[in-house]
């Protein structure tokens, strides 16, 4: 069964929480579209690379470079959309 965008956002939030050390309780649905490099999350390039590998491992997917263009991997919502797109291709 395919997961909903909401469920994927919740899972990605958990991964972001572990990497950024922001308590999961502070990562609300309202923050899902905030840039991960902005003031709320304060993630740097190294943290984003780590997030990339953790998301790929969690969902057992390879994330093509085209999804990284134009800040495509810079919010929880965008990452969830990438995972959905890859999962839809598998079907």
N, C-alpha and C. Protein backbone atom coordinates (compact mmCIF):
# COMPACT_ATOMS: atom_id res chain seq x y z
N UNK A 1 0.84 -1.19 0.00
CA UNK A 1 0.00 0.00 0.00
C UNK A 1 0.87 1.25 0.00
N UNK A 2 0.53 2.18 -0.83
CA UNK A 2 1.29 3.42 -0.94
C UNK A 2 0.96 4.37 0.21
N UNK A 3 1.99 4.99 0.75
CA UNK A 3 1.80 5.92 1.86
C UNK A 3 1.34 7.28 1.32
N UNK A 4 0.62 8.00 2.16
CA UNK A 4 0.16 9.33 1.78
C UNK A 4 1.29 10.35 1.94
N UNK A 5 1.11 11.49 1.30
CA UNK A 5 2.09 12.57 1.42
C UNK A 5 2.26 12.96 2.89
N UNK A 6 1.17 13.02 3.60
CA UNK A 6 1.19 13.37 5.02
C UNK A 6 2.04 12.37 5.81
N UNK A 7 1.83 11.09 5.57
CA UNK A 7 2.58 10.06 6.30
C UNK A 7 4.08 10.12 5.98
N UNK A 8 4.40 10.36 4.71
CA UNK A 8 5.81 10.47 4.34
C UNK A 8 6.42 11.71 4.99
N UNK A 9 5.70 12.81 5.03
CA UNK A 9 6.20 14.02 5.71
C UNK A 9 6.49 13.74 7.18
N UNK A 10 5.62 12.98 7.82
CA UNK A 10 5.84 12.64 9.23
C UNK A 10 7.11 11.81 9.39
N UNK A 11 7.33 10.85 8.50
CA UNK A 11 8.53 10.02 8.57
C UNK A 11 9.78 10.84 8.29
N UNK A 12 9.72 11.70 7.28
CA UNK A 12 10.87 12.56 6.97
C UNK A 12 11.13 13.51 8.13
N UNK A 13 10.09 13.99 8.78
CA UNK A 13 10.25 14.86 9.95
C UNK A 13 11.05 14.16 11.05
N UNK A 14 10.79 12.88 11.24
CA UNK A 14 11.53 12.11 12.24
C UNK A 14 13.02 12.05 11.88
N UNK A 15 13.31 11.81 10.61
CA UNK A 15 14.71 11.76 10.17
C UNK A 15 15.36 13.13 10.34
N UNK A 16 14.65 14.20 9.94
CA UNK A 16 15.17 15.56 10.10
C UNK A 16 15.41 15.87 11.57
N UNK A 17 14.52 15.44 12.41
CA UNK A 17 14.65 15.68 13.85
C UNK A 17 15.93 15.05 14.39
N UNK A 18 16.21 13.83 13.97
CA UNK A 18 17.42 13.15 14.44
C UNK A 18 18.69 13.86 13.96
N UNK A 19 18.67 14.34 12.73
CA UNK A 19 19.86 14.98 12.17
C UNK A 19 20.05 16.39 12.71
N UNK A 20 18.96 17.15 12.78
CA UNK A 20 19.05 18.56 13.21
C UNK A 20 19.02 18.71 14.73
N UNK A 21 18.64 17.65 15.41
CA UNK A 21 18.48 17.66 16.86
C UNK A 21 17.41 18.64 17.34
N UNK A 22 16.45 18.90 16.46
CA UNK A 22 15.26 19.65 16.83
C UNK A 22 14.24 18.61 17.31
N UNK A 23 13.66 18.81 18.48
CA UNK A 23 12.67 17.83 18.96
C UNK A 23 11.54 17.64 17.95
N UNK A 24 11.15 16.41 17.75
CA UNK A 24 10.09 16.11 16.79
C UNK A 24 8.82 16.90 17.12
N UNK A 25 8.56 17.12 18.38
CA UNK A 25 7.36 17.86 18.79
C UNK A 25 7.37 19.30 18.29
N UNK A 26 8.53 19.82 17.93
CA UNK A 26 8.63 21.19 17.41
C UNK A 26 8.53 21.26 15.89
N UNK A 27 8.57 20.12 15.24
CA UNK A 27 8.48 20.10 13.77
C UNK A 27 7.02 19.83 13.42
N UNK A 28 6.28 20.90 13.20
CA UNK A 28 4.86 20.80 12.93
C UNK A 28 4.59 20.80 11.43
N UNK A 29 3.38 20.50 11.08
CA UNK A 29 2.97 20.50 9.67
C UNK A 29 3.23 21.87 9.02
N UNK A 30 3.14 22.92 9.79
CA UNK A 30 3.37 24.27 9.27
C UNK A 30 4.83 24.47 8.85
N UNK A 31 5.75 23.68 9.40
CA UNK A 31 7.17 23.84 9.08
C UNK A 31 7.62 22.96 7.92
N UNK A 32 6.73 22.13 7.41
CA UNK A 32 7.12 21.17 6.37
C UNK A 32 7.56 21.83 5.07
N UNK A 33 7.16 23.05 4.81
CA UNK A 33 7.56 23.73 3.58
C UNK A 33 8.64 24.78 3.80
N UNK A 34 9.14 24.88 5.02
CA UNK A 34 10.24 25.81 5.29
C UNK A 34 11.54 25.23 4.76
N UNK A 35 12.41 26.08 4.21
CA UNK A 35 13.71 25.59 3.76
C UNK A 35 14.51 25.00 4.93
N UNK A 36 15.10 23.85 4.69
CA UNK A 36 15.87 23.20 5.75
C UNK A 36 17.14 23.97 6.09
N UNK A 37 17.56 24.86 5.19
CA UNK A 37 18.76 25.66 5.44
C UNK A 37 18.43 27.00 6.09
N UNK A 38 17.17 27.28 6.30
CA UNK A 38 16.76 28.57 6.89
C UNK A 38 16.83 28.53 8.41
N UNK A 39 16.41 29.60 9.02
CA UNK A 39 16.62 29.81 10.45
C UNK A 39 15.96 28.78 11.37
N UNK A 40 14.86 28.18 10.97
CA UNK A 40 14.21 27.21 11.86
C UNK A 40 15.03 25.93 12.00
N UNK A 41 15.46 25.38 10.87
CA UNK A 41 16.18 24.11 10.89
C UNK A 41 17.70 24.27 10.99
N UNK A 42 18.23 25.32 10.42
CA UNK A 42 19.69 25.59 10.45
C UNK A 42 20.53 24.43 9.93
N UNK A 43 20.07 23.72 8.93
CA UNK A 43 20.85 22.60 8.40
C UNK A 43 21.87 23.13 7.38
N UNK A 44 23.09 22.63 7.47
CA UNK A 44 24.12 23.04 6.52
C UNK A 44 24.24 21.97 5.43
N UNK A 45 25.18 22.18 4.51
CA UNK A 45 25.36 21.26 3.40
C UNK A 45 25.65 19.84 3.85
N UNK A 46 26.49 19.71 4.85
CA UNK A 46 26.85 18.39 5.36
C UNK A 46 25.62 17.67 5.92
N UNK A 47 24.79 18.40 6.65
CA UNK A 47 23.57 17.80 7.20
C UNK A 47 22.61 17.38 6.09
N UNK A 48 22.54 18.19 5.01
CA UNK A 48 21.66 17.83 3.90
C UNK A 48 22.15 16.58 3.18
N UNK A 49 23.46 16.43 3.05
CA UNK A 49 24.01 15.22 2.44
C UNK A 49 23.66 14.00 3.30
N UNK A 50 23.82 14.14 4.59
CA UNK A 50 23.48 13.06 5.51
C UNK A 50 21.99 12.74 5.40
N UNK A 51 21.16 13.78 5.33
CA UNK A 51 19.71 13.59 5.18
C UNK A 51 19.40 12.84 3.89
N UNK A 52 20.07 13.22 2.81
CA UNK A 52 19.89 12.56 1.52
C UNK A 52 20.11 11.05 1.66
N UNK A 53 21.22 10.67 2.27
CA UNK A 53 21.53 9.25 2.42
C UNK A 53 20.58 8.55 3.37
N UNK A 54 20.17 9.22 4.43
CA UNK A 54 19.23 8.61 5.37
C UNK A 54 17.85 8.39 4.75
N UNK A 55 17.40 9.35 3.95
CA UNK A 55 16.10 9.20 3.27
C UNK A 55 16.19 8.06 2.25
N UNK A 56 17.27 8.04 1.48
CA UNK A 56 17.44 6.97 0.48
C UNK A 56 17.47 5.60 1.15
N UNK A 57 18.15 5.51 2.29
CA UNK A 57 18.23 4.24 3.01
C UNK A 57 16.86 3.86 3.60
N UNK A 58 16.19 4.81 4.22
CA UNK A 58 14.90 4.55 4.86
C UNK A 58 13.87 4.02 3.87
N UNK A 59 13.84 4.63 2.68
CA UNK A 59 12.84 4.24 1.68
C UNK A 59 13.38 3.24 0.66
N UNK A 60 14.64 2.84 0.81
CA UNK A 60 15.28 1.89 -0.10
C UNK A 60 15.14 2.35 -1.56
N UNK A 61 15.50 3.61 -1.78
CA UNK A 61 15.41 4.20 -3.13
C UNK A 61 16.73 4.88 -3.49
N UNK A 62 16.92 5.06 -4.79
CA UNK A 62 17.99 5.91 -5.28
C UNK A 62 17.34 7.20 -5.73
N UNK A 63 17.87 8.32 -5.28
CA UNK A 63 17.28 9.61 -5.62
C UNK A 63 18.09 10.23 -6.76
N UNK A 64 17.50 10.30 -7.97
CA UNK A 64 18.22 10.86 -9.11
C UNK A 64 18.57 12.33 -8.90
N UNK A 65 19.68 12.74 -9.49
CA UNK A 65 20.15 14.11 -9.36
C UNK A 65 19.15 15.16 -9.81
N UNK A 66 18.29 14.82 -10.76
CA UNK A 66 17.33 15.81 -11.25
C UNK A 66 16.40 16.31 -10.14
N UNK A 67 16.19 15.48 -9.12
CA UNK A 67 15.34 15.90 -8.00
C UNK A 67 16.05 16.87 -7.06
N UNK A 68 17.35 17.00 -7.21
CA UNK A 68 18.12 17.88 -6.34
C UNK A 68 18.27 19.28 -6.93
N UNK A 69 17.98 19.41 -8.23
CA UNK A 69 18.09 20.71 -8.89
C UNK A 69 17.10 21.71 -8.31
N UNK A 70 17.48 22.96 -8.34
CA UNK A 70 16.61 24.08 -7.94
C UNK A 70 16.01 23.90 -6.55
N UNK A 71 16.85 23.52 -5.60
CA UNK A 71 16.43 23.34 -4.20
C UNK A 71 15.32 22.32 -4.03
N UNK A 72 15.31 21.31 -4.86
CA UNK A 72 14.27 20.29 -4.81
C UNK A 72 14.30 19.41 -3.57
N UNK A 73 15.40 19.47 -2.84
CA UNK A 73 15.57 18.63 -1.65
C UNK A 73 15.74 19.51 -0.42
N UNK A 74 15.03 20.64 -0.38
CA UNK A 74 15.29 21.61 0.67
C UNK A 74 14.10 21.88 1.58
N UNK A 75 13.16 20.97 1.65
CA UNK A 75 12.09 21.07 2.65
C UNK A 75 11.52 19.68 2.86
N UNK A 76 10.89 19.50 3.97
CA UNK A 76 10.29 18.20 4.27
C UNK A 76 9.22 17.86 3.24
N UNK A 77 8.42 18.84 2.86
CA UNK A 77 7.38 18.62 1.86
C UNK A 77 7.94 18.24 0.50
N UNK A 78 9.03 18.91 0.09
CA UNK A 78 9.64 18.59 -1.21
C UNK A 78 10.26 17.19 -1.18
N UNK A 79 10.88 16.84 -0.08
CA UNK A 79 11.47 15.50 0.04
C UNK A 79 10.38 14.44 -0.03
N UNK A 80 9.27 14.69 0.63
CA UNK A 80 8.14 13.74 0.58
C UNK A 80 7.62 13.60 -0.84
N UNK A 81 7.57 14.70 -1.58
CA UNK A 81 7.12 14.64 -2.98
C UNK A 81 8.09 13.83 -3.83
N UNK A 82 9.38 13.95 -3.57
CA UNK A 82 10.39 13.17 -4.29
C UNK A 82 10.18 11.68 -4.01
N UNK A 83 10.01 11.34 -2.75
CA UNK A 83 9.79 9.94 -2.38
C UNK A 83 8.53 9.41 -3.07
N UNK A 84 7.47 10.19 -3.07
CA UNK A 84 6.23 9.78 -3.74
C UNK A 84 6.46 9.54 -5.23
N UNK A 85 7.17 10.44 -5.88
CA UNK A 85 7.43 10.32 -7.32
C UNK A 85 8.22 9.05 -7.62
N UNK A 86 9.22 8.77 -6.80
CA UNK A 86 10.02 7.56 -7.01
C UNK A 86 9.19 6.31 -6.75
N UNK A 87 8.41 6.34 -5.69
CA UNK A 87 7.56 5.18 -5.36
C UNK A 87 6.52 4.93 -6.47
N UNK A 88 5.99 6.00 -7.04
CA UNK A 88 5.00 5.84 -8.12
C UNK A 88 5.62 5.21 -9.36
N UNK A 89 6.90 5.48 -9.60
CA UNK A 89 7.60 4.88 -10.76
C UNK A 89 7.80 3.38 -10.57
N UNK A 90 7.90 2.96 -9.32
CA UNK A 90 8.13 1.53 -9.04
C UNK A 90 6.91 0.69 -9.39
N UNK A 91 5.75 1.30 -9.34
CA UNK A 91 4.49 0.54 -9.53
C UNK A 91 4.21 0.29 -10.98
